[in-house]
Amino acid sequence: QVQLVESGGGSVQAGESLSLSCAASGSIFGVNMRCWYRQAPGKERELVARLWNEGKTYYRSSVKDRFTIAAGDAANTVTLQMNRLTPEDTAVYYCNFFMKSREFDTWNDYWGQGTQVTVTS
């Protein structure tokens, strides 16, 4: 069974930093793309950052130059370093991998359960 688990969420003051991590586990053949999404109450889920295996990255404009997405130290992991946080960054953050399972031999999007990030003024 392939699963994603996020960690590192919490409550911080505006201007501070927070680092999120996500680890995929299970019978994984390969990972092509690693992403972070977020969803604030009453809002649609939005893409925050995207990392391709070749190193190409994408950031939504509101977090560019403040957030950094990177592969983690362990295989099949990803991190999101968030600096100079603002209250507008408050949301549940979700890890998303485009992966291929050895069990089913198919490429699919997999999602974590989310981790809460709260930024106070």
PDB file of N, CA and C in Angstrom:
ATOM      1  N   GLN A   1       0.841  -1.185   0.000  1.00  0.00           N
ATOM      2  CA  GLN A   1       0.000   0.000   0.000  1.00  0.00           C
ATOM      3  C   GLN A   1       0.885   1.248   0.000  1.00  0.00           C
ATOM      4  N   VAL A   2       0.679   2.117  -0.963  1.00  0.00           N
ATOM      5  CA  VAL A   2       1.451   3.344  -1.070  1.00  0.00           C
ATOM      6  C   VAL A   2       0.767   4.441  -0.262  1.00  0.00           C
ATOM      7  N   GLN A   3       1.550   5.127   0.555  1.00  0.00           N
ATOM      8  CA  GLN A   3       1.012   6.194   1.384  1.00  0.00           C
ATOM      9  C   GLN A   3       1.961   7.380   1.413  1.00  0.00           C
ATOM     10  N   LEU A   4       1.405   8.570   1.625  1.00  0.00           N
ATOM     11  CA  LEU A   4       2.169   9.785   1.840  1.00  0.00           C
ATOM     12  C   LEU A   4       1.815  10.341   3.208  1.00  0.00           C
ATOM     13  N   VAL A   5       2.823  10.773   3.949  1.00  0.00           N
ATOM     14  CA  VAL A   5       2.610  11.330   5.271  1.00  0.00           C
ATOM     15  C   VAL A   5       3.379  12.627   5.402  1.00  0.00           C
ATOM     16  N   GLU A   6       2.662  13.718   5.701  1.00  0.00           N
ATOM     17  CA  GLU A   6       3.283  15.019   5.918  1.00  0.00           C
ATOM     18  C   GLU A   6       3.613  15.203   7.397  1.00  0.00           C
ATOM     19  N   SER A   7       4.590  16.048   7.652  1.00  0.00           N
ATOM     20  CA  SER A   7       4.946  16.396   9.017  1.00  0.00           C
ATOM     21  C   SER A   7       5.568  17.782   9.031  1.00  0.00           C
ATOM     22  N   GLY A   8       5.624  18.383  10.201  1.00  0.00           N
ATOM     23  CA  GLY A   8       6.281  19.663  10.358  1.00  0.00           C
ATOM     24  C   GLY A   8       5.361  20.853  10.511  1.00  0.00           C
ATOM     25  N   GLY A   9       4.061  20.648  10.384  1.00  0.00           N
ATOM     26  CA  GLY A   9       3.137  21.750  10.533  1.00  0.00           C
ATOM     27  C   GLY A   9       3.080  22.240  11.970  1.00  0.00           C
ATOM     28  N   GLY A  10       2.510  23.418  12.146  1.00  0.00           N
ATOM     29  CA  GLY A  10       2.396  23.996  13.466  1.00  0.00           C
ATOM     30  C   GLY A  10       1.959  25.429  13.400  1.00  0.00           C
ATOM     31  N   SER A  11       2.088  26.116  14.511  1.00  0.00           N
ATOM     32  CA  SER A  11       1.703  27.519  14.618  1.00  0.00           C
ATOM     33  C   SER A  11       2.934  28.380  14.863  1.00  0.00           C
ATOM     34  N   VAL A  12       3.088  29.413  14.037  1.00  0.00           N
ATOM     35  CA  VAL A  12       4.223  30.323  14.161  1.00  0.00           C
ATOM     36  C   VAL A  12       3.739  31.756  13.997  1.00  0.00           C
ATOM     37  N   GLN A  13       4.591  32.692  14.369  1.00  0.00           N
ATOM     38  CA  GLN A  13       4.283  34.097  14.200  1.00  0.00           C
ATOM     39  C   GLN A  13       4.714  34.584  12.830  1.00  0.00           C
ATOM     40  N   ALA A  14       4.058  35.617  12.355  1.00  0.00           N
ATOM     41  CA  ALA A  14       4.419  36.206  11.072  1.00  0.00           C
ATOM     42  C   ALA A  14       5.893  36.576  11.055  1.00  0.00           C
ATOM     43  N   GLY A  15       6.524  36.289   9.928  1.00  0.00           N
ATOM     44  CA  GLY A  15       7.936  36.572   9.770  1.00  0.00           C
ATOM     45  C   GLY A  15       8.833  35.398  10.107  1.00  0.00           C
ATOM     46  N   GLU A  16       8.297  34.402  10.774  1.00  0.00           N
ATOM     47  CA  GLU A  16       9.088  33.239  11.148  1.00  0.00           C
ATOM     48  C   GLU A  16       9.084  32.191  10.048  1.00  0.00           C
ATOM     49  N   SER A  17       9.810  31.117  10.277  1.00  0.00           N
ATOM     50  CA  SER A  17       9.973  30.066   9.283  1.00  0.00           C
ATOM     51  C   SER A  17       9.439  28.738   9.783  1.00  0.00           C
ATOM     52  N   LEU A  18       9.155  27.874   8.840  1.00  0.00           N
ATOM     53  CA  LEU A  18       8.673  26.544   9.141  1.00  0.00           C
ATOM     54  C   LEU A  18       9.075  25.629   7.995  1.00  0.00           C
ATOM     55  N   SER A  19       9.408  24.396   8.314  1.00  0.00           N
ATOM     56  CA  SER A  19       9.788  23.430   7.301  1.00  0.00           C
ATOM     57  C   SER A  19       8.862  22.227   7.351  1.00  0.00           C
ATOM     58  N   LEU A  20       8.305  21.887   6.214  1.00  0.00           N
ATOM     59  CA  LEU A  20       7.430  20.736   6.092  1.00  0.00           C
ATOM     60  C   LEU A  20       8.169  19.597   5.401  1.00  0.00           C
ATOM     61  N   SER A  21       7.805  18.380   5.757  1.00  0.00           N
ATOM     62  CA  SER A  21       8.375  17.205   5.128  1.00  0.00           C
ATOM     63  C   SER A  21       7.265  16.247   4.745  1.00  0.00           C
ATOM     64  N   CYS A  22       7.537  15.450   3.734  1.00  0.00           N
ATOM     65  CA  CYS A  22       6.589  14.448   3.290  1.00  0.00           C
ATOM     66  C   CYS A  22       7.367  13.217   2.864  1.00  0.00           C
ATOM     67  N   ALA A  23       6.913  12.067   3.302  1.00  0.00           N
ATOM     68  CA  ALA A  23       7.565  10.813   2.961  1.00  0.00           C
ATOM     69  C   ALA A  23       6.561   9.847   2.353  1.00  0.00           C
ATOM     70  N   ALA A  24       6.933   9.278   1.240  1.00  0.00           N
ATOM     71  CA  ALA A  24       6.124   8.249   0.605  1.00  0.00           C
ATOM     72  C   ALA A  24       6.645   6.876   1.006  1.00  0.00           C
ATOM     73  N   SER A  25       5.748   5.963   1.230  1.00  0.00           N
ATOM     74  CA  SER A  25       6.130   4.614   1.599  1.00  0.00           C
ATOM     75  C   SER A  25       5.269   3.610   0.850  1.00  0.00           C
ATOM     76  N   GLY A  26       5.761   2.390   0.756  1.00  0.00           N
ATOM     77  CA  GLY A  26       5.051   1.343   0.056  1.00  0.00           C
ATOM     78  C   GLY A  26       5.848   0.820  -1.116  1.00  0.00           C
ATOM     79  N   SER A  27       5.189   0.087  -1.966  1.00  0.00           N
ATOM     80  CA  SER A  27       5.831  -0.519  -3.133  1.00  0.00           C
ATOM     81  C   SER A  27       5.870   0.481  -4.272  1.00  0.00           C
ATOM     82  N   ILE A  28       6.889   1.329  -4.258  1.00  0.00           N
ATOM     83  CA  ILE A  28       7.016   2.419  -5.219  1.00  0.00           C
ATOM     84  C   ILE A  28       8.003   2.055  -6.315  1.00  0.00           C
ATOM     85  N   PHE A  29       7.569   2.185  -7.551  1.00  0.00           N
ATOM     86  CA  PHE A  29       8.449   1.972  -8.692  1.00  0.00           C
ATOM     87  C   PHE A  29       9.267   3.222  -8.977  1.00  0.00           C
ATOM     88  N   GLY A  30       8.603   4.366  -8.974  1.00  0.00           N
ATOM     89  CA  GLY A  30       9.290   5.607  -9.248  1.00  0.00           C
ATOM     90  C   GLY A  30       8.426   6.813  -8.953  1.00  0.00           C
ATOM     91  N   VAL A  31       9.082   7.960  -8.779  1.00  0.00           N
ATOM     92  CA  VAL A  31       8.416   9.229  -8.532  1.00  0.00           C
ATOM     93  C   VAL A  31       8.880  10.222  -9.589  1.00  0.00           C
ATOM     94  N   ASN A  32       7.947  10.822 -10.297  1.00  0.00           N
ATOM     95  CA  ASN A  32       8.293  11.776 -11.344  1.00  0.00           C
ATOM     96  C   ASN A  32       8.129  13.230 -10.917  1.00  0.00           C
ATOM     97  N   MET A  33       7.174  13.502 -10.065  1.00  0.00           N
ATOM     98  CA  MET A  33       6.897  14.871  -9.676  1.00  0.00           C
ATOM     99  C   MET A  33       6.435  14.926  -8.233  1.00  0.00           C
ATOM    100  N   ARG A  34       6.926  15.913  -7.514  1.00  0.00           N
ATOM    101  CA  ARG A  34       6.587  16.096  -6.106  1.00  0.00           C
ATOM    102  C   ARG A  34       6.046  17.504  -5.929  1.00  0.00           C
ATOM    103  N   CYS A  35       4.912  17.617  -5.261  1.00  0.00           N
ATOM    104  CA  CYS A  35       4.223  18.893  -5.148  1.00  0.00           C
ATOM    105  C   CYS A  35       3.737  19.136  -3.729  1.00  0.00           C
ATOM    106  N   TRP A  36       3.551  20.411  -3.449  1.00  0.00           N
ATOM    107  CA  TRP A  36       2.875  20.844  -2.240  1.00  0.00           C
ATOM    108  C   TRP A  36       1.668  21.685  -2.634  1.00  0.00           C
ATOM    109  N   TYR A  37       0.536  21.365  -2.073  1.00  0.00           N
ATOM    110  CA  TYR A  37      -0.687  22.134  -2.227  1.00  0.00           C
ATOM    111  C   TYR A  37      -1.109  22.647  -0.866  1.00  0.00           C
ATOM    112  N   ARG A  38      -2.020  23.596  -0.858  1.00  0.00           N
ATOM    113  CA  ARG A  38      -2.578  24.057   0.398  1.00  0.00           C
ATOM    114  C   ARG A  38      -4.034  24.445   0.206  1.00  0.00           C
ATOM    115  N   GLN A  39      -4.777  24.396   1.294  1.00  0.00           N
ATOM    116  CA  GLN A  39      -6.189  24.748   1.259  1.00  0.00           C
ATOM    117  C   GLN A  39      -6.567  25.456   2.542  1.00  0.00           C
ATOM    118  N   ALA A  40      -7.017  26.692   2.398  1.00  0.00           N
ATOM    119  CA  ALA A  40      -7.504  27.462   3.521  1.00  0.00           C
ATOM    120  C   ALA A  40      -9.000  27.208   3.686  1.00  0.00           C
ATOM    121  N   PRO A  41      -9.542  27.417   4.876  1.00  0.00           N
ATOM    122  CA  PRO A  41     -10.975  27.192   5.095  1.00  0.00           C
ATOM    123  C   PRO A  41     -11.826  27.987   4.116  1.00  0.00           C
ATOM    124  N   GLY A  42     -12.762  27.309   3.484  1.00  0.00           N
ATOM    125  CA  GLY A  42     -13.651  27.960   2.543  1.00  0.00           C
ATOM    126  C   GLY A  42     -13.038  28.266   1.192  1.00  0.00           C
ATOM    127  N   LYS A  43     -11.796  27.871   0.989  1.00  0.00           N
ATOM    128  CA  LYS A  43     -11.109  28.142  -0.266  1.00  0.00           C
ATOM    129  C   LYS A  43     -10.822  26.849  -1.020  1.00  0.00           C
ATOM    130  N   GLU A  44     -10.554  27.006  -2.306  1.00  0.00           N
ATOM    131  CA  GLU A  44     -10.180  25.865  -3.118  1.00  0.00           C
ATOM    132  C   GLU A  44      -8.724  25.498  -2.863  1.00  0.00           C
ATOM    133  N   ARG A  45      -8.416  24.242  -3.024  1.00  0.00           N
ATOM    134  CA  ARG A  45      -7.039  23.797  -2.882  1.00  0.00           C
ATOM    135  C   ARG A  45      -6.205  24.407  -4.009  1.00  0.00           C
ATOM    136  N   GLU A  46      -5.009  24.893  -3.682  1.00  0.00           N
ATOM    137  CA  GLU A  46      -4.170  25.556  -4.653  1.00  0.00           C
ATOM    138  C   GLU A  46      -2.753  24.995  -4.633  1.00  0.00           C
ATOM    139  N   LEU A  47      -2.144  24.993  -5.788  1.00  0.00           N
ATOM    140  CA  LEU A  47      -0.770  24.530  -5.915  1.00  0.00           C
ATOM    141  C   LEU A  47       0.175  25.560  -5.315  1.00  0.00           C
ATOM    142  N   VAL A  48       1.083  25.108  -4.478  1.00  0.00           N
ATOM    143  CA  VAL A  48       2.074  25.972  -3.855  1.00  0.00           C
ATOM    144  C   VAL A  48       3.412  25.867  -4.572  1.00  0.00           C
ATOM    145  N   ALA A  49       3.890  24.653  -4.748  1.00  0.00           N
ATOM    146  CA  ALA A  49       5.190  24.434  -5.370  1.00  0.00           C
ATOM    147  C   ALA A  49       5.233  23.067  -6.019  1.00  0.00           C
ATOM    148  N   ARG A  50       6.071  22.956  -7.034  1.00  0.00           N
ATOM    149  CA  ARG A  50       6.187  21.707  -7.781  1.00  0.00           C
ATOM    150  C   ARG A  50       7.657  21.444  -8.080  1.00  0.00           C
ATOM    151  N   LEU A  51       8.059  20.203  -7.961  1.00  0.00           N
ATOM    152  CA  LEU A  51       9.434  19.800  -8.219  1.00  0.00           C
ATOM    153  C   LEU A  51       9.457  18.617  -9.167  1.00  0.00           C
ATOM    154  N   TRP A  52      10.129  18.780 -10.298  1.00  0.00           N
ATOM    155  CA  TRP A  52      10.351  17.682 -11.223  1.00  0.00           C
ATOM    156  C   TRP A  52      11.674  16.998 -10.885  1.00  0.00           C
ATOM    157  N   ASN A  53      11.816  15.760 -11.326  1.00  0.00           N
ATOM    158  CA  ASN A  53      13.012  14.988 -11.003  1.00  0.00           C
ATOM    159  C   ASN A  53      14.281  15.622 -11.542  1.00  0.00           C
ATOM    160  N   GLU A  54      14.180  16.295 -12.682  1.00  0.00           N
ATOM    161  CA  GLU A  54      15.365  16.909 -13.280  1.00  0.00           C
ATOM    162  C   GLU A  54      15.774  18.194 -12.571  1.00  0.00           C
ATOM    163  N   GLY A  55      14.988  18.611 -11.574  1.00  0.00           N
ATOM    164  CA  GLY A  55      15.322  19.780 -10.799  1.00  0.00           C
ATOM    165  C   GLY A  55      14.513  21.025 -11.092  1.00  0.00           C
ATOM    166  N   LYS A  56      13.723  21.001 -12.125  1.00  0.00           N
ATOM    167  CA  LYS A  56      12.878  22.141 -12.446  1.00  0.00           C
ATOM    168  C   LYS A  56      11.856  22.351 -11.351  1.00  0.00           C
ATOM    169  N   THR A  57      11.612  23.612 -11.014  1.00  0.00           N
ATOM    170  CA  THR A  57      10.655  23.939  -9.968  1.00  0.00           C
ATOM    171  C   THR A  57       9.642  24.957 -10.447  1.00  0.00           C
ATOM    172  N   TYR A  58       8.523  24.980  -9.778  1.00  0.00           N
ATOM    173  CA  TYR A  58       7.493  25.977  -9.996  1.00  0.00           C
ATOM    174  C   TYR A  58       6.972  26.437  -8.643  1.00  0.00           C
ATOM    175  N   TYR A  59       6.740  27.738  -8.512  1.00  0.00           N
ATOM    176  CA  TYR A  59       6.147  28.307  -7.313  1.00  0.00           C
ATOM    177  C   TYR A  59       5.033  29.263  -7.705  1.00  0.00           C
ATOM    178  N   ARG A  60       3.949  29.246  -6.966  1.00  0.00           N
ATOM    179  CA  ARG A  60       2.947  30.251  -7.201  1.00  0.00           C
ATOM    180  C   ARG A  60       3.550  31.593  -6.804  1.00  0.00           C
ATOM    181  N   SER A  61       3.094  32.648  -7.436  1.00  0.00           N
ATOM    182  CA  SER A  61       3.736  33.942  -7.294  1.00  0.00           C
ATOM    183  C   SER A  61       3.787  34.446  -5.854  1.00  0.00           C
ATOM    184  N   SER A  62       2.775  34.132  -5.064  1.00  0.00           N
ATOM    185  CA  SER A  62       2.711  34.653  -3.710  1.00  0.00           C
ATOM    186  C   SER A  62       3.755  34.054  -2.763  1.00  0.00           C
ATOM    187  N   VAL A  63       4.364  32.935  -3.147  1.00  0.00           N
ATOM    188  CA  VAL A  63       5.358  32.302  -2.283  1.00  0.00           C
ATOM    189  C   VAL A  63       6.749  32.289  -2.899  1.00  0.00           C
ATOM    190  N   LYS A  64       6.847  32.664  -4.144  1.00  0.00           N
ATOM    191  CA  LYS A  64       8.141  32.668  -4.816  1.00  0.00           C
ATOM    192  C   LYS A  64       9.117  33.564  -4.051  1.00  0.00           C
ATOM    193  N   ASP A  65      10.335  33.092  -3.888  1.00  0.00           N
ATOM    194  CA  ASP A  65      11.415  33.764  -3.169  1.00  0.00           C
ATOM    195  C   ASP A  65      11.267  33.686  -1.652  1.00  0.00           C
ATOM    196  N   ARG A  66      10.190  33.053  -1.185  1.00  0.00           N
ATOM    197  CA  ARG A  66      10.037  32.811   0.244  1.00  0.00           C
ATOM    198  C   ARG A  66      10.057  31.322   0.566  1.00  0.00           C
ATOM    199  N   PHE A  67       9.493  30.519  -0.321  1.00  0.00           N
ATOM    200  CA  PHE A  67       9.412  29.075  -0.124  1.00  0.00           C
ATOM    201  C   PHE A  67      10.407  28.371  -1.029  1.00  0.00           C
ATOM    202  N   THR A  68      10.896  27.228  -0.576  1.00  0.00           N
ATOM    203  CA  THR A  68      11.796  26.407  -1.377  1.00  0.00           C
ATOM    204  C   THR A  68      11.378  24.952  -1.276  1.00  0.00           C
ATOM    205  N   ILE A  69      11.113  24.345  -2.423  1.00  0.00           N
ATOM    206  CA  ILE A  69      10.796  22.928  -2.465  1.00  0.00           C
ATOM    207  C   ILE A  69      12.056  22.167  -2.858  1.00  0.00           C
ATOM    208  N   ALA A  70      12.276  21.019  -2.247  1.00  0.00           N
ATOM    209  CA  ALA A  70      13.461  20.232  -2.540  1.00  0.00           C
ATOM    210  C   ALA A  70      13.215  18.776  -2.190  1.00  0.00           C
ATOM    211  N   ALA A  71      13.931  17.899  -2.860  1.00  0.00           N
ATOM    212  CA  ALA A  71      13.900  16.495  -2.489  1.00  0.00           C
ATOM    213  C   ALA A  71      14.508  16.331  -1.106  1.00  0.00           C
ATOM    214  N   GLY A  72      13.938  15.446  -0.318  1.00  0.00           N
ATOM    215  CA  GLY A  72      14.458  15.209   1.008  1.00  0.00           C
ATOM    216  C   GLY A  72      15.697  14.346   0.983  1.00  0.00           C
ATOM    217  N   ASP A  73      16.285  14.144   2.159  1.00  0.00           N
ATOM    218  CA  ASP A  73      17.499  13.347   2.247  1.00  0.00           C
ATOM    219  C   ASP A  73      17.236  11.878   1.920  1.00  0.00           C
ATOM    220  N   ALA A  74      16.108  11.373   2.332  1.00  0.00           N
ATOM    221  CA  ALA A  74      15.745   9.990   2.054  1.00  0.00           C
ATOM    222  C   ALA A  74      15.036   9.876   0.716  1.00  0.00           C
ATOM    223  N   ALA A  75      15.058   8.692   0.161  1.00  0.00           N
ATOM    224  CA  ALA A  75      14.375   8.459  -1.104  1.00  0.00           C
ATOM    225  C   ALA A  75      12.879   8.674  -0.952  1.00  0.00           C
ATOM    226  N   ASN A  76      12.273   9.177  -2.014  1.00  0.00           N
ATOM    227  CA  ASN A  76      10.822   9.357  -2.059  1.00  0.00           C
ATOM    228  C   ASN A  76      10.309  10.289  -0.965  1.00  0.00           C
ATOM    229  N   THR A  77      11.031  11.369  -0.764  1.00  0.00           N
ATOM    230  CA  THR A  77      10.619  12.389   0.191  1.00  0.00           C
ATOM    231  C   THR A  77      10.714  13.760  -0.463  1.00  0.00           C
ATOM    232  N   VAL A  78      10.073  14.734   0.148  1.00  0.00           N
ATOM    233  CA  VAL A  78      10.121  16.106  -0.326  1.00  0.00           C
ATOM    234  C   VAL A  78       9.969  17.033   0.870  1.00  0.00           C
ATOM    235  N   THR A  79      10.580  18.205   0.776  1.00  0.00           N
ATOM    236  CA  THR A  79      10.471  19.192   1.835  1.00  0.00           C
ATOM    237  C   THR A  79       9.965  20.506   1.266  1.00  0.00           C
ATOM    238  N   LEU A  80       9.442  21.340   2.131  1.00  0.00           N
ATOM    239  CA  LEU A  80       9.042  22.687   1.769  1.00  0.00           C
ATOM    240  C   LEU A  80       9.521  23.614   2.873  1.00  0.00           C
ATOM    241  N   GLN A  81      10.569  24.365   2.570  1.00  0.00           N
ATOM    242  CA  GLN A  81      11.076  25.353   3.510  1.00  0.00           C
ATOM    243  C   GLN A  81      10.310  26.645   3.296  1.00  0.00           C
ATOM    244  N   MET A  82       9.659  27.128   4.332  1.00  0.00           N
ATOM    245  CA  MET A  82       8.828  28.312   4.242  1.00  0.00           C
ATOM    246  C   MET A  82       9.414  29.399   5.132  1.00  0.00           C
ATOM    247  N   ASN A  83       9.823  30.492   4.514  1.00  0.00           N
ATOM    248  CA  ASN A  83      10.415  31.611   5.228  1.00  0.00           C
ATOM    249  C   ASN A  83       9.521  32.838   5.140  1.00  0.00           C
ATOM    250  N   ARG A  84       9.707  33.737   6.088  1.00  0.00           N
ATOM    251  CA  ARG A  84       8.955  34.997   6.123  1.00  0.00           C
ATOM    252  C   ARG A  84       7.459  34.747   5.955  1.00  0.00           C
ATOM    253  N   LEU A  85       6.949  33.855   6.768  1.00  0.00           N
ATOM    254  CA  LEU A  85       5.548  33.475   6.690  1.00  0.00           C
ATOM    255  C   LEU A  85       4.629  34.638   7.040  1.00  0.00           C
ATOM    256  N   THR A  86       3.477  34.651   6.410  1.00  0.00           N
ATOM    257  CA  THR A  86       2.454  35.656   6.655  1.00  0.00           C
ATOM    258  C   THR A  86       1.148  34.958   7.005  1.00  0.00           C
ATOM    259  N   PRO A  87       0.200  35.675   7.608  1.00  0.00           N
ATOM    260  CA  PRO A  87      -1.094  35.051   7.907  1.00  0.00           C
ATOM    261  C   PRO A  87      -1.794  34.482   6.686  1.00  0.00           C
ATOM    262  N   GLU A  88      -1.509  35.032   5.522  1.00  0.00           N
ATOM    263  CA  GLU A  88      -2.111  34.530   4.290  1.00  0.00           C
ATOM    264  C   GLU A  88      -1.609  33.143   3.919  1.00  0.00           C
ATOM    265  N   ASP A  89      -0.544  32.693   4.556  1.00  0.00           N
ATOM    266  CA  ASP A  89      -0.022  31.351   4.312  1.00  0.00           C
ATOM    267  C   ASP A  89      -0.737  30.299   5.157  1.00  0.00           C
ATOM    268  N   THR A  90      -1.597  30.724   6.046  1.00  0.00           N
ATOM    269  CA  THR A  90      -2.319  29.790   6.899  1.00  0.00           C
ATOM    270  C   THR A  90      -3.210  28.884   6.058  1.00  0.00           C
ATOM    271  N   ALA A  91      -3.035  27.591   6.219  1.00  0.00           N
ATOM    272  CA  ALA A  91      -3.789  26.611   5.443  1.00  0.00           C
ATOM    273  C   ALA A  91      -3.383  25.211   5.879  1.00  0.00           C
ATOM    274  N   VAL A  92      -4.120  24.241   5.392  1.00  0.00           N
ATOM    275  CA  VAL A  92      -3.689  22.857   5.491  1.00  0.00           C
ATOM    276  C   VAL A  92      -2.834  22.577   4.265  1.00  0.00           C
ATOM    277  N   TYR A  93      -1.631  22.092   4.495  1.00  0.00           N
ATOM    278  CA  TYR A  93      -0.705  21.820   3.411  1.00  0.00           C
ATOM    279  C   TYR A  93      -0.691  20.333   3.101  1.00  0.00           C
ATOM    280  N   TYR A  94      -0.801  20.027   1.812  1.00  0.00           N
ATOM    281  CA  TYR A  94      -0.877  18.650   1.356  1.00  0.00           C
ATOM    282  C   TYR A  94       0.296  18.307   0.455  1.00  0.00           C
ATOM    283  N   CYS A  95       0.845  17.139   0.668  1.00  0.00           N
ATOM    284  CA  CYS A  95       1.879  16.593  -0.196  1.00  0.00           C
ATOM    285  C   CYS A  95       1.217  15.815  -1.324  1.00  0.00           C
ATOM    286  N   ASN A  96       1.752  15.952  -2.510  1.00  0.00           N
ATOM    287  CA  ASN A  96       1.222  15.253  -3.678  1.00  0.00           C
ATOM    288  C   ASN A  96       2.375  14.735  -4.524  1.00  0.00           C
ATOM    289  N   PHE A  97       2.378  13.437  -4.787  1.00  0.00           N
ATOM    290  CA  PHE A  97       3.384  12.817  -5.645  1.00  0.00           C
ATOM    291  C   PHE A  97       2.712  12.212  -6.860  1.00  0.00           C
ATOM    292  N   PHE A  98       3.337  12.362  -8.018  1.00  0.00           N
ATOM    293  CA  PHE A  98       2.953  11.589  -9.186  1.00  0.00           C
ATOM    294  C   PHE A  98       3.887  10.384  -9.203  1.00  0.00           C
ATOM    295  N   MET A  99       3.345   9.211  -8.883  1.00  0.00           N
ATOM    296  CA  MET A  99       4.150   8.024  -8.668  1.00  0.00           C
ATOM    297  C   MET A  99       3.618   6.826  -9.428  1.00  0.00           C
ATOM    298  N   LYS A 100       4.494   5.837  -9.558  1.00  0.00           N
ATOM    299  CA  LYS A 100       4.111   4.557 -10.126  1.00  0.00           C
ATOM    300  C   LYS A 100       4.298   3.496  -9.065  1.00  0.00           C
ATOM    301  N   SER A 101       3.242   2.745  -8.834  1.00  0.00           N
ATOM    302  CA  SER A 101       3.266   1.682  -7.850  1.00  0.00           C
ATOM    303  C   SER A 101       3.750   0.385  -8.481  1.00  0.00           C
ATOM    304  N   ARG A 102       4.595  -0.343  -7.769  1.00  0.00           N
ATOM    305  CA  ARG A 102       5.029  -1.653  -8.244  1.00  0.00           C
ATOM    306  C   ARG A 102       3.876  -2.649  -8.233  1.00  0.00           C
ATOM    307  N   GLU A 103       2.938  -2.444  -7.324  1.00  0.00           N
ATOM    308  CA  GLU A 103       1.828  -3.368  -7.196  1.00  0.00           C
ATOM    309  C   GLU A 103       0.867  -3.288  -8.377  1.00  0.00           C
ATOM    310  N   PHE A 104       0.595  -2.058  -8.821  1.00  0.00           N
ATOM    311  CA  PHE A 104      -0.408  -1.873  -9.868  1.00  0.00           C
ATOM    312  C   PHE A 104       0.169  -1.456 -11.214  1.00  0.00           C
ATOM    313  N   ASP A 105       1.450  -1.115 -11.248  1.00  0.00           N
ATOM    314  CA  ASP A 105       2.144  -0.748 -12.484  1.00  0.00           C
ATOM    315  C   ASP A 105       1.404   0.358 -13.225  1.00  0.00           C
ATOM    316  N   THR A 106       1.017   1.366 -12.490  1.00  0.00           N
ATOM    317  CA  THR A 106       0.311   2.486 -13.086  1.00  0.00           C
ATOM    318  C   THR A 106       0.734   3.792 -12.420  1.00  0.00           C
ATOM    319  N   TRP A 107       0.772   4.863 -13.207  1.00  0.00           N
ATOM    320  CA  TRP A 107       1.128   6.180 -12.690  1.00  0.00           C
ATOM    321  C   TRP A 107      -0.131   6.881 -12.201  1.00  0.00           C
ATOM    322  N   ASN A 108      -0.040   7.478 -11.027  1.00  0.00           N
ATOM    323  CA  ASN A 108      -1.178   8.151 -10.429  1.00  0.00           C
ATOM    324  C   ASN A 108      -0.727   9.237  -9.464  1.00  0.00           C
ATOM    325  N   ASP A 109      -1.649  10.131  -9.170  1.00  0.00           N
ATOM    326  CA  ASP A 109      -1.442  11.116  -8.119  1.00  0.00           C
ATOM    327  C   ASP A 109      -1.778  10.500  -6.771  1.00  0.00           C
ATOM    328  N   TYR A 110      -0.897  10.731  -5.795  1.00  0.00           N
ATOM    329  CA  TYR A 110      -1.123  10.274  -4.441  1.00  0.00           C
ATOM    330  C   TYR A 110      -1.069  11.477  -3.513  1.00  0.00           C
ATOM    331  N   TRP A 111      -1.916  11.456  -2.503  1.00  0.00           N
ATOM    332  CA  TRP A 111      -2.053  12.589  -1.593  1.00  0.00           C
ATOM    333  C   TRP A 111      -1.830  12.180  -0.147  1.00  0.00           C
ATOM    334  N   GLY A 112      -1.223  13.080   0.598  1.00  0.00           N
ATOM    335  CA  GLY A 112      -1.132  12.911   2.032  1.00  0.00           C
ATOM    336  C   GLY A 112      -2.394  13.414   2.691  1.00  0.00           C
ATOM    337  N   GLN A 113      -2.475  13.255   4.003  1.00  0.00           N
ATOM    338  CA  GLN A 113      -3.667  13.653   4.736  1.00  0.00           C
ATOM    339  C   GLN A 113      -3.680  15.134   5.087  1.00  0.00           C
ATOM    340  N   GLY A 114      -2.557  15.797   4.935  1.00  0.00           N
ATOM    341  CA  GLY A 114      -2.461  17.212   5.208  1.00  0.00           C
ATOM    342  C   GLY A 114      -1.885  17.518   6.577  1.00  0.00           C
ATOM    343  N   THR A 115      -1.236  18.662   6.681  1.00  0.00           N
ATOM    344  CA  THR A 115      -0.712  19.142   7.951  1.00  0.00           C
ATOM    345  C   THR A 115      -1.034  20.627   8.086  1.00  0.00           C
ATOM    346  N   GLN A 116      -1.497  21.022   9.255  1.00  0.00           N
ATOM    347  CA  GLN A 116      -1.958  22.393   9.473  1.00  0.00           C
ATOM    348  C   GLN A 116      -0.789  23.343   9.701  1.00  0.00           C
ATOM    349  N   VAL A 117      -0.813  24.458   8.989  1.00  0.00           N
ATOM    350  CA  VAL A 117       0.128  25.550   9.202  1.00  0.00           C
ATOM    351  C   VAL A 117      -0.674  26.789   9.560  1.00  0.00           C
ATOM    352  N   THR A 118      -0.393  27.351  10.717  1.00  0.00           N
ATOM    353  CA  THR A 118      -1.090  28.542  11.175  1.00  0.00           C
ATOM    354  C   THR A 118      -0.076  29.644  11.442  1.00  0.00           C
ATOM    355  N   VAL A 119      -0.292  30.796  10.836  1.00  0.00           N
ATOM    356  CA  VAL A 119       0.605  31.938  10.992  1.00  0.00           C
ATOM    357  C   VAL A 119      -0.185  33.069  11.637  1.00  0.00           C
ATOM    358  N   THR A 120       0.254  33.509  12.790  1.00  0.00           N
ATOM    359  CA  THR A 120      -0.427  34.565  13.526  1.00  0.00           C
ATOM    360  C   THR A 120       0.280  35.893  13.336  1.00  0.00           C
ATOM    361  N   SER A 121      -0.478  36.979  13.446  1.00  0.00           N
ATOM    362  CA  SER A 121       0.065  38.322  13.273  1.00  0.00           C
ATOM    363  C   SER A 121       0.859  38.749  14.492  1.00  0.00           C
TER     364      SER A 121
END
